[in-house]
Amino acid sequence: MHHYMEPAQHGVQDVLNILTEVHVFHRTRLDLDHARLEKDHARLEKDHVRLDKNHARLDLDRARLSLGGEETKDGHAFSSGGPSGQSRKHPYLYPVHPSGSDE
């Protein structure tokens, strides 16, 4: 028994197959793009947390310095004295070893 299929029906099936392939391709592409964006977002969140911690640490160091050059967390002391001619409003700050030596 031989079945006859009209050309229009066969053409419609080809179009449906192509549309399905395109849909699968775009769906896969969207999934990959979404995964990449989620990874980028997670990295940016980590960077944001790290920057917040650095900012807080710098604020703490600045507060310590404004209280008279106390020791910082890494053990270095800071002196507010500086080269002659330095403005008292904006003193030159440079690290000084806790023992008092220049090294």
PDB file of N, CA and C in Angstrom:
ATOM      1  N   MET A   1       0.838  -1.158   0.000  1.00  0.00           N
ATOM      2  CA  MET A   1       0.000   0.000   0.000  1.00  0.00           C
ATOM      3  C   MET A   1       0.897   1.239   0.000  1.00  0.00           C
ATOM      4  N   HIS A   2       0.619   2.102  -0.879  1.00  0.00           N
ATOM      5  CA  HIS A   2       1.418   3.288  -1.062  1.00  0.00           C
ATOM      6  C   HIS A   2       0.603   4.505  -0.648  1.00  0.00           C
ATOM      7  N   HIS A   3       1.182   5.299   0.277  1.00  0.00           N
ATOM      8  CA  HIS A   3       0.453   6.484   0.752  1.00  0.00           C
ATOM      9  C   HIS A   3       0.974   7.716   0.048  1.00  0.00           C
ATOM     10  N   TYR A   4       0.051   8.558  -0.287  1.00  0.00           N
ATOM     11  CA  TYR A   4       0.420   9.801  -0.939  1.00  0.00           C
ATOM     12  C   TYR A   4       0.319  10.931   0.090  1.00  0.00           C
ATOM     13  N   MET A   5       1.371  11.740   0.189  1.00  0.00           N
ATOM     14  CA  MET A   5       1.359  12.886   1.092  1.00  0.00           C
ATOM     15  C   MET A   5       1.424  14.135   0.236  1.00  0.00           C
ATOM     16  N   GLU A   6       0.510  15.039   0.481  1.00  0.00           N
ATOM     17  CA  GLU A   6       0.499  16.275  -0.292  1.00  0.00           C
ATOM     18  C   GLU A   6       1.733  17.106   0.050  1.00  0.00           C
ATOM     19  N   PRO A   7       2.303  17.797  -0.918  1.00  0.00           N
ATOM     20  CA  PRO A   7       3.508  18.593  -0.692  1.00  0.00           C
ATOM     21  C   PRO A   7       3.343  19.637   0.419  1.00  0.00           C
ATOM     22  N   ALA A   8       2.161  20.230   0.523  1.00  0.00           N
ATOM     23  CA  ALA A   8       1.942  21.259   1.538  1.00  0.00           C
ATOM     24  C   ALA A   8       2.107  20.670   2.938  1.00  0.00           C
ATOM     25  N   GLN A   9       1.586  19.477   3.156  1.00  0.00           N
ATOM     26  CA  GLN A   9       1.706  18.852   4.473  1.00  0.00           C
ATOM     27  C   GLN A   9       3.171  18.557   4.799  1.00  0.00           C
ATOM     28  N   HIS A  10       3.894  18.073   3.815  1.00  0.00           N
ATOM     29  CA  HIS A  10       5.301  17.760   4.027  1.00  0.00           C
ATOM     30  C   HIS A  10       6.081  19.040   4.329  1.00  0.00           C
ATOM     31  N   GLY A  11       5.781  20.105   3.625  1.00  0.00           N
ATOM     32  CA  GLY A  11       6.430  21.389   3.850  1.00  0.00           C
ATOM     33  C   GLY A  11       6.145  21.924   5.244  1.00  0.00           C
ATOM     34  N   VAL A  12       4.930  21.755   5.710  1.00  0.00           N
ATOM     35  CA  VAL A  12       4.564  22.199   7.055  1.00  0.00           C
ATOM     36  C   VAL A  12       5.372  21.426   8.085  1.00  0.00           C
ATOM     37  N   GLN A  13       5.536  20.123   7.875  1.00  0.00           N
ATOM     38  CA  GLN A  13       6.308  19.297   8.814  1.00  0.00           C
ATOM     39  C   GLN A  13       7.767  19.751   8.861  1.00  0.00           C
ATOM     40  N   ASP A  14       8.332  20.084   7.706  1.00  0.00           N
ATOM     41  CA  ASP A  14       9.708  20.596   7.673  1.00  0.00           C
ATOM     42  C   ASP A  14       9.829  21.887   8.486  1.00  0.00           C
ATOM     43  N   VAL A  15       8.858  22.772   8.306  1.00  0.00           N
ATOM     44  CA  VAL A  15       8.868  24.037   9.045  1.00  0.00           C
ATOM     45  C   VAL A  15       8.763  23.764  10.539  1.00  0.00           C
ATOM     46  N   LEU A  16       7.889  22.852  10.937  1.00  0.00           N
ATOM     47  CA  LEU A  16       7.748  22.510  12.355  1.00  0.00           C
ATOM     48  C   LEU A  16       9.049  21.940  12.916  1.00  0.00           C
ATOM     49  N   ASN A  17       9.723  21.083  12.162  1.00  0.00           N
ATOM     50  CA  ASN A  17      11.001  20.519  12.604  1.00  0.00           C
ATOM     51  C   ASN A  17      12.052  21.621  12.777  1.00  0.00           C
ATOM     52  N   ILE A  18      12.103  22.529  11.816  1.00  0.00           N
ATOM     53  CA  ILE A  18      13.068  23.632  11.897  1.00  0.00           C
ATOM     54  C   ILE A  18      12.763  24.515  13.107  1.00  0.00           C
ATOM     55  N   LEU A  19      11.481  24.833  13.321  1.00  0.00           N
ATOM     56  CA  LEU A  19      11.100  25.660  14.467  1.00  0.00           C
ATOM     57  C   LEU A  19      11.476  24.989  15.783  1.00  0.00           C
ATOM     58  N   THR A  20      11.293  23.677  15.857  1.00  0.00           N
ATOM     59  CA  THR A  20      11.656  22.940  17.071  1.00  0.00           C
ATOM     60  C   THR A  20      13.156  23.012  17.301  1.00  0.00           C
ATOM     61  N   GLU A  21      13.952  22.832  16.241  1.00  0.00           N
ATOM     62  CA  GLU A  21      15.410  22.907  16.369  1.00  0.00           C
ATOM     63  C   GLU A  21      15.851  24.306  16.804  1.00  0.00           C
ATOM     64  N   VAL A  22      15.246  25.338  16.224  1.00  0.00           N
ATOM     65  CA  VAL A  22      15.583  26.714  16.584  1.00  0.00           C
ATOM     66  C   VAL A  22      15.217  26.968  18.039  1.00  0.00           C
ATOM     67  N   HIS A  23      14.042  26.495  18.453  1.00  0.00           N
ATOM     68  CA  HIS A  23      13.601  26.675  19.839  1.00  0.00           C
ATOM     69  C   HIS A  23      14.580  26.006  20.804  1.00  0.00           C
ATOM     70  N   VAL A  24      14.994  24.782  20.509  1.00  0.00           N
ATOM     71  CA  VAL A  24      15.936  24.065  21.372  1.00  0.00           C
ATOM     72  C   VAL A  24      17.270  24.811  21.416  1.00  0.00           C
ATOM     73  N   PHE A  25      17.744  25.280  20.264  1.00  0.00           N
ATOM     74  CA  PHE A  25      19.007  26.022  20.216  1.00  0.00           C
ATOM     75  C   PHE A  25      18.923  27.282  21.081  1.00  0.00           C
ATOM     76  N   HIS A  26      17.853  28.064  20.898  1.00  0.00           N
ATOM     77  CA  HIS A  26      17.712  29.308  21.658  1.00  0.00           C
ATOM     78  C   HIS A  26      17.516  29.037  23.142  1.00  0.00           C
ATOM     79  N   ARG A  27      16.785  27.967  23.456  1.00  0.00           N
ATOM     80  CA  ARG A  27      16.571  27.621  24.867  1.00  0.00           C
ATOM     81  C   ARG A  27      17.909  27.264  25.514  1.00  0.00           C
ATOM     82  N   THR A  28      18.723  26.471  24.823  1.00  0.00           N
ATOM     83  CA  THR A  28      20.036  26.101  25.342  1.00  0.00           C
ATOM     84  C   THR A  28      20.903  27.345  25.488  1.00  0.00           C
ATOM     85  N   ARG A  29      20.860  28.218  24.506  1.00  0.00           N
ATOM     86  CA  ARG A  29      21.644  29.456  24.541  1.00  0.00           C
ATOM     87  C   ARG A  29      21.211  30.328  25.722  1.00  0.00           C
ATOM     88  N   LEU A  30      19.905  30.429  25.933  1.00  0.00           N
ATOM     89  CA  LEU A  30      19.390  31.216  27.059  1.00  0.00           C
ATOM     90  C   LEU A  30      19.843  30.628  28.392  1.00  0.00           C
ATOM     91  N   ASP A  31      19.817  29.304  28.491  1.00  0.00           N
ATOM     92  CA  ASP A  31      20.263  28.651  29.727  1.00  0.00           C
ATOM     93  C   ASP A  31      21.740  28.944  29.992  1.00  0.00           C
ATOM     94  N   LEU A  32      22.557  28.876  28.951  1.00  0.00           N
ATOM     95  CA  LEU A  32      23.987  29.165  29.100  1.00  0.00           C
ATOM     96  C   LEU A  32      24.224  30.625  29.495  1.00  0.00           C
ATOM     97  N   ASP A  33      23.502  31.532  28.839  1.00  0.00           N
ATOM     98  CA  ASP A  33      23.640  32.953  29.174  1.00  0.00           C
ATOM     99  C   ASP A  33      23.198  33.218  30.610  1.00  0.00           C
ATOM    100  N   HIS A  34      22.104  32.587  31.012  1.00  0.00           N
ATOM    101  CA  HIS A  34      21.598  32.758  32.376  1.00  0.00           C
ATOM    102  C   HIS A  34      22.618  32.251  33.399  1.00  0.00           C
ATOM    103  N   ALA A  35      23.204  31.101  33.143  1.00  0.00           N
ATOM    104  CA  ALA A  35      24.209  30.541  34.058  1.00  0.00           C
ATOM    105  C   ALA A  35      25.423  31.466  34.148  1.00  0.00           C
ATOM    106  N   ARG A  36      25.848  32.030  33.018  1.00  0.00           N
ATOM    107  CA  ARG A  36      26.987  32.948  33.005  1.00  0.00           C
ATOM    108  C   ARG A  36      26.673  34.210  33.801  1.00  0.00           C
ATOM    109  N   LEU A  37      25.462  34.731  33.629  1.00  0.00           N
ATOM    110  CA  LEU A  37      25.069  35.933  34.367  1.00  0.00           C
ATOM    111  C   LEU A  37      24.997  35.668  35.868  1.00  0.00           C
ATOM    112  N   GLU A  38      24.502  34.494  36.253  1.00  0.00           N
ATOM    113  CA  GLU A  38      24.457  34.155  37.679  1.00  0.00           C
ATOM    114  C   GLU A  38      25.868  34.073  38.264  1.00  0.00           C
ATOM    115  N   LYS A  39      26.789  33.501  37.502  1.00  0.00           N
ATOM    116  CA  LYS A  39      28.183  33.398  37.947  1.00  0.00           C
ATOM    117  C   LYS A  39      28.802  34.792  38.092  1.00  0.00           C
ATOM    118  N   ASP A  40      28.559  35.667  37.105  1.00  0.00           N
ATOM    119  CA  ASP A  40      29.061  37.040  37.172  1.00  0.00           C
ATOM    120  C   ASP A  40      28.470  37.779  38.367  1.00  0.00           C
ATOM    121  N   HIS A  41      27.181  37.580  38.611  1.00  0.00           N
ATOM    122  CA  HIS A  41      26.515  38.240  39.735  1.00  0.00           C
ATOM    123  C   HIS A  41      27.117  37.780  41.058  1.00  0.00           C
ATOM    124  N   ALA A  42      27.379  36.490  41.197  1.00  0.00           N
ATOM    125  CA  ALA A  42      27.986  35.967  42.428  1.00  0.00           C
ATOM    126  C   ALA A  42      29.378  36.562  42.634  1.00  0.00           C
ATOM    127  N   ARG A  43      30.145  36.692  41.561  1.00  0.00           N
ATOM    128  CA  ARG A  43      31.483  37.284  41.653  1.00  0.00           C
ATOM    129  C   ARG A  43      31.395  38.747  42.085  1.00  0.00           C
ATOM    130  N   LEU A  44      30.440  39.471  41.519  1.00  0.00           N
ATOM    131  CA  LEU A  44      30.267  40.875  41.887  1.00  0.00           C
ATOM    132  C   LEU A  44      29.839  41.020  43.347  1.00  0.00           C
ATOM    133  N   GLU A  45      28.992  40.103  43.820  1.00  0.00           N
ATOM    134  CA  GLU A  45      28.584  40.126  45.231  1.00  0.00           C
ATOM    135  C   GLU A  45      29.797  39.938  46.138  1.00  0.00           C
ATOM    136  N   LYS A  46      30.679  38.987  45.783  1.00  0.00           N
ATOM    137  CA  LYS A  46      31.895  38.754  46.575  1.00  0.00           C
ATOM    138  C   LYS A  46      32.783  39.994  46.565  1.00  0.00           C
ATOM    139  N   ASP A  47      32.929  40.619  45.389  1.00  0.00           N
ATOM    140  CA  ASP A  47      33.733  41.838  45.282  1.00  0.00           C
ATOM    141  C   ASP A  47      33.149  42.945  46.154  1.00  0.00           C
ATOM    142  N   HIS A  48      31.824  43.057  46.162  1.00  0.00           N
ATOM    143  CA  HIS A  48      31.154  44.086  46.951  1.00  0.00           C
ATOM    144  C   HIS A  48      31.414  43.876  48.446  1.00  0.00           C
ATOM    145  N   VAL A  49      31.312  42.637  48.904  1.00  0.00           N
ATOM    146  CA  VAL A  49      31.573  42.325  50.313  1.00  0.00           C
ATOM    147  C   VAL A  49      33.026  42.651  50.657  1.00  0.00           C
ATOM    148  N   ARG A  50      33.947  42.266  49.769  1.00  0.00           N
ATOM    149  CA  ARG A  50      35.373  42.535  50.000  1.00  0.00           C
ATOM    150  C   ARG A  50      35.632  44.042  50.075  1.00  0.00           C
ATOM    151  N   LEU A  51      35.019  44.804  49.181  1.00  0.00           N
ATOM    152  CA  LEU A  51      35.205  46.256  49.191  1.00  0.00           C
ATOM    153  C   LEU A  51      34.627  46.884  50.459  1.00  0.00           C
ATOM    154  N   ASP A  52      33.484  46.371  50.918  1.00  0.00           N
ATOM    155  CA  ASP A  52      32.904  46.873  52.168  1.00  0.00           C
ATOM    156  C   ASP A  52      33.851  46.633  53.340  1.00  0.00           C
ATOM    157  N   LYS A  53      34.460  45.446  53.385  1.00  0.00           N
ATOM    158  CA  LYS A  53      35.403  45.133  54.465  1.00  0.00           C
ATOM    159  C   LYS A  53      36.622  46.053  54.392  1.00  0.00           C
ATOM    160  N   ASN A  54      37.147  46.262  53.182  1.00  0.00           N
ATOM    161  CA  ASN A  54      38.300  47.152  53.014  1.00  0.00           C
ATOM    162  C   ASN A  54      37.954  48.576  53.438  1.00  0.00           C
ATOM    163  N   HIS A  55      36.772  49.026  53.073  1.00  0.00           N
ATOM    164  CA  HIS A  55      36.345  50.376  53.434  1.00  0.00           C
ATOM    165  C   HIS A  55      36.244  50.516  54.951  1.00  0.00           C
ATOM    166  N   ALA A  56      35.668  49.521  55.610  1.00  0.00           N
ATOM    167  CA  ALA A  56      35.548  49.558  57.073  1.00  0.00           C
ATOM    168  C   ALA A  56      36.931  49.569  57.724  1.00  0.00           C
ATOM    169  N   ARG A  57      37.848  48.771  57.187  1.00  0.00           N
ATOM    170  CA  ARG A  57      39.201  48.729  57.737  1.00  0.00           C
ATOM    171  C   ARG A  57      39.899  50.078  57.567  1.00  0.00           C
ATOM    172  N   LEU A  58      39.734  50.701  56.410  1.00  0.00           N
ATOM    173  CA  LEU A  58      40.337  52.014  56.179  1.00  0.00           C
ATOM    174  C   LEU A  58      39.743  53.070  57.109  1.00  0.00           C
ATOM    175  N   ASP A  59      38.436  52.999  57.339  1.00  0.00           N
ATOM    176  CA  ASP A  59      37.810  53.933  58.280  1.00  0.00           C
ATOM    177  C   ASP A  59      38.387  53.755  59.677  1.00  0.00           C
ATOM    178  N   LEU A  60      38.604  52.513  60.082  1.00  0.00           N
ATOM    179  CA  LEU A  60      39.175  52.235  61.399  1.00  0.00           C
ATOM    180  C   LEU A  60      40.610  52.755  61.480  1.00  0.00           C
ATOM    181  N   ASP A  61      41.399  52.521  60.441  1.00  0.00           N
ATOM    182  CA  ASP A  61      42.776  53.031  60.412  1.00  0.00           C
ATOM    183  C   ASP A  61      42.791  54.561  60.476  1.00  0.00           C
ATOM    184  N   ARG A  62      41.889  55.198  59.745  1.00  0.00           N
ATOM    185  CA  ARG A  62      41.816  56.661  59.753  1.00  0.00           C
ATOM    186  C   ARG A  62      41.454  57.165  61.152  1.00  0.00           C
ATOM    187  N   ALA A  63      40.530  56.480  61.824  1.00  0.00           N
ATOM    188  CA  ALA A  63      40.151  56.874  63.183  1.00  0.00           C
ATOM    189  C   ALA A  63      41.331  56.718  64.136  1.00  0.00           C
ATOM    190  N   ARG A  64      42.081  55.637  64.000  1.00  0.00           N
ATOM    191  CA  ARG A  64      43.255  55.430  64.855  1.00  0.00           C
ATOM    192  C   ARG A  64      44.279  56.545  64.652  1.00  0.00           C
ATOM    193  N   LEU A  65      44.497  56.901  63.396  1.00  0.00           N
ATOM    194  CA  LEU A  65      45.473  57.954  63.089  1.00  0.00           C
ATOM    195  C   LEU A  65      45.040  59.299  63.661  1.00  0.00           C
ATOM    196  N   SER A  66      43.751  59.582  63.589  1.00  0.00           N
ATOM    197  CA  SER A  66      43.285  60.876  64.087  1.00  0.00           C
ATOM    198  C   SER A  66      43.336  60.948  65.609  1.00  0.00           C
ATOM    199  N   LEU A  67      43.475  59.800  66.283  1.00  0.00           N
ATOM    200  CA  LEU A  67      43.575  59.777  67.744  1.00  0.00           C
ATOM    201  C   LEU A  67      45.010  59.897  68.232  1.00  0.00           C
ATOM    202  N   GLY A  68      45.937  60.189  67.356  1.00  0.00           N
ATOM    203  CA  GLY A  68      47.298  60.437  67.799  1.00  0.00           C
ATOM    204  C   GLY A  68      48.307  59.410  67.371  1.00  0.00           C
ATOM    205  N   GLY A  69      48.079  58.747  66.295  1.00  0.00           N
ATOM    206  CA  GLY A  69      49.090  57.847  65.751  1.00  0.00           C
ATOM    207  C   GLY A  69      49.245  56.551  66.508  1.00  0.00           C
ATOM    208  N   GLU A  70      48.130  55.957  66.922  1.00  0.00           N
ATOM    209  CA  GLU A  70      48.223  54.661  67.588  1.00  0.00           C
ATOM    210  C   GLU A  70      48.660  53.601  66.598  1.00  0.00           C
ATOM    211  N   GLU A  71      49.030  52.449  67.135  1.00  0.00           N
ATOM    212  CA  GLU A  71      49.468  51.344  66.290  1.00  0.00           C
ATOM    213  C   GLU A  71      48.312  50.824  65.449  1.00  0.00           C
ATOM    214  N   THR A  72      48.606  50.455  64.212  1.00  0.00           N
ATOM    215  CA  THR A  72      47.598  49.847  63.356  1.00  0.00           C
ATOM    216  C   THR A  72      47.602  48.351  63.582  1.00  0.00           C
ATOM    217  N   LYS A  73      46.655  47.678  62.962  1.00  0.00           N
ATOM    218  CA  LYS A  73      46.484  46.235  63.140  1.00  0.00           C
ATOM    219  C   LYS A  73      47.744  45.450  62.756  1.00  0.00           C
ATOM    220  N   ASP A  74      48.500  45.915  61.760  1.00  0.00           N
ATOM    221  CA  ASP A  74      49.687  45.178  61.316  1.00  0.00           C
ATOM    222  C   ASP A  74      50.917  45.476  62.175  1.00  0.00           C
ATOM    223  N   GLY A  75      50.762  46.274  63.246  1.00  0.00           N
ATOM    224  CA  GLY A  75      51.862  46.499  64.168  1.00  0.00           C
ATOM    225  C   GLY A  75      52.716  47.702  63.863  1.00  0.00           C
ATOM    226  N   HIS A  76      52.400  48.447  62.805  1.00  0.00           N
ATOM    227  CA  HIS A  76      53.169  49.646  62.480  1.00  0.00           C
ATOM    228  C   HIS A  76      52.552  50.844  63.185  1.00  0.00           C
ATOM    229  N   ALA A  77      53.396  51.691  63.705  1.00  0.00           N
ATOM    230  CA  ALA A  77      52.925  52.935  64.313  1.00  0.00           C
ATOM    231  C   ALA A  77      53.074  54.041  63.286  1.00  0.00           C
ATOM    232  N   PHE A  78      52.276  55.066  63.426  1.00  0.00           N
ATOM    233  CA  PHE A  78      52.366  56.187  62.507  1.00  0.00           C
ATOM    234  C   PHE A  78      52.671  57.445  63.290  1.00  0.00           C
ATOM    235  N   SER A  79      53.536  58.267  62.719  1.00  0.00           N
ATOM    236  CA  SER A  79      53.896  59.535  63.336  1.00  0.00           C
ATOM    237  C   SER A  79      53.266  60.651  62.526  1.00  0.00           C
ATOM    238  N   SER A  80      52.778  61.680  63.200  1.00  0.00           N
ATOM    239  CA  SER A  80      52.173  62.786  62.465  1.00  0.00           C
ATOM    240  C   SER A  80      53.188  63.860  62.121  1.00  0.00           C
ATOM    241  N   GLY A  81      54.433  63.701  62.570  1.00  0.00           N
ATOM    242  CA  GLY A  81      55.471  64.670  62.219  1.00  0.00           C
ATOM    243  C   GLY A  81      55.910  64.444  60.795  1.00  0.00           C
ATOM    244  N   GLY A  82      56.465  65.445  60.159  1.00  0.00           N
ATOM    245  CA  GLY A  82      56.892  65.259  58.779  1.00  0.00           C
ATOM    246  C   GLY A  82      57.994  66.217  58.422  1.00  0.00           C
ATOM    247  N   PRO A  83      58.314  66.286  57.162  1.00  0.00           N
ATOM    248  CA  PRO A  83      59.365  67.185  56.699  1.00  0.00           C
ATOM    249  C   PRO A  83      59.023  68.634  57.039  1.00  0.00           C
ATOM    250  N   SER A  84      60.032  69.465  57.205  1.00  0.00           N
ATOM    251  CA  SER A  84      59.790  70.869  57.540  1.00  0.00           C
ATOM    252  C   SER A  84      58.965  71.522  56.441  1.00  0.00           C
ATOM    253  N   GLY A  85      58.150  72.480  56.855  1.00  0.00           N
ATOM    254  CA  GLY A  85      57.298  73.166  55.891  1.00  0.00           C
ATOM    255  C   GLY A  85      55.987  72.435  55.642  1.00  0.00           C
ATOM    256  N   GLN A  86      55.785  71.301  56.264  1.00  0.00           N
ATOM    257  CA  GLN A  86      54.555  70.535  56.069  1.00  0.00           C
ATOM    258  C   GLN A  86      53.423  71.225  56.838  1.00  0.00           C
ATOM    259  N   SER A  87      52.296  71.348  56.235  1.00  0.00           N
ATOM    260  CA  SER A  87      51.148  71.997  56.859  1.00  0.00           C
ATOM    261  C   SER A  87      50.687  71.213  58.083  1.00  0.00           C
ATOM    262  N   ARG A  88      50.322  71.928  59.145  1.00  0.00           N
ATOM    263  CA  ARG A  88      49.810  71.258  60.344  1.00  0.00           C
ATOM    264  C   ARG A  88      48.400  70.736  60.096  1.00  0.00           C
ATOM    265  N   LYS A  89      47.673  71.380  59.185  1.00  0.00           N
ATOM    266  CA  LYS A  89      46.325  70.914  58.866  1.00  0.00           C
ATOM    267  C   LYS A  89      46.361  69.543  58.198  1.00  0.00           C
ATOM    268  N   HIS A  90      47.327  69.308  57.354  1.00  0.00           N
ATOM    269  CA  HIS A  90      47.456  68.050  56.616  1.00  0.00           C
ATOM    270  C   HIS A  90      48.838  67.478  56.866  1.00  0.00           C
ATOM    271  N   PRO A  91      49.053  66.903  58.041  1.00  0.00           N
ATOM    272  CA  PRO A  91      50.396  66.393  58.345  1.00  0.00           C
ATOM    273  C   PRO A  91      50.780  65.231  57.441  1.00  0.00           C
ATOM    274  N   TYR A  92      52.060  65.123  57.205  1.00  0.00           N
ATOM    275  CA  TYR A  92      52.604  64.011  56.432  1.00  0.00           C
ATOM    276  C   TYR A  92      52.674  62.791  57.342  1.00  0.00           C
ATOM    277  N   LEU A  93      52.050  61.693  56.941  1.00  0.00           N
ATOM    278  CA  LEU A  93      52.044  60.476  57.747  1.00  0.00           C
ATOM    279  C   LEU A  93      52.953  59.446  57.105  1.00  0.00           C
ATOM    280  N   TYR A  94      53.836  58.877  57.891  1.00  0.00           N
ATOM    281  CA  TYR A  94      54.709  57.840  57.360  1.00  0.00           C
ATOM    282  C   TYR A  94      54.896  56.774  58.426  1.00  0.00           C
ATOM    283  N   PRO A  95      55.093  55.513  57.981  1.00  0.00           N
ATOM    284  CA  PRO A  95      55.209  54.413  58.939  1.00  0.00           C
ATOM    285  C   PRO A  95      56.502  54.498  59.745  1.00  0.00           C
ATOM    286  N   VAL A  96      56.400  54.161  61.007  1.00  0.00           N
ATOM    287  CA  VAL A  96      57.555  54.091  61.899  1.00  0.00           C
ATOM    288  C   VAL A  96      57.496  52.734  62.577  1.00  0.00           C
ATOM    289  N   HIS A  97      58.607  52.046  62.620  1.00  0.00           N
ATOM    290  CA  HIS A  97      58.655  50.735  63.266  1.00  0.00           C
ATOM    291  C   HIS A  97      58.328  50.897  64.750  1.00  0.00           C
ATOM    292  N   PRO A  98      57.553  49.950  65.346  1.00  0.00           N
ATOM    293  CA  PRO A  98      57.171  50.070  66.755  1.00  0.00           C
ATOM    294  C   PRO A  98      58.362  50.232  67.703  1.00  0.00           C
ATOM    295  N   SER A  99      59.544  49.736  67.337  1.00  0.00           N
ATOM    296  CA  SER A  99      60.715  49.861  68.208  1.00  0.00           C
ATOM    297  C   SER A  99      61.259  51.289  68.219  1.00  0.00           C
ATOM    298  N   GLY A 100      60.804  52.105  67.263  1.00  0.00           N
ATOM    299  CA  GLY A 100      61.272  53.484  67.183  1.00  0.00           C
ATOM    300  C   GLY A 100      62.375  53.681  66.168  1.00  0.00           C
ATOM    301  N   SER A 101      62.927  52.600  65.635  1.00  0.00           N
ATOM    302  CA  SER A 101      64.000  52.740  64.640  1.00  0.00           C
ATOM    303  C   SER A 101      63.398  53.070  63.280  1.00  0.00           C
ATOM    304  N   ASP A 102      64.233  53.511  62.367  1.00  0.00           N
ATOM    305  CA  ASP A 102      63.765  53.867  61.029  1.00  0.00           C
ATOM    306  C   ASP A 102      63.628  52.660  60.117  1.00  0.00           C
ATOM    307  N   GLU A 103      64.000  51.494  60.558  1.00  0.00           N
ATOM    308  CA  GLU A 103      63.959  50.307  59.699  1.00  0.00           C
ATOM    309  C   GLU A 103      62.771  49.458  60.005  1.00  0.00           C
TER     310      GLU A 103
END
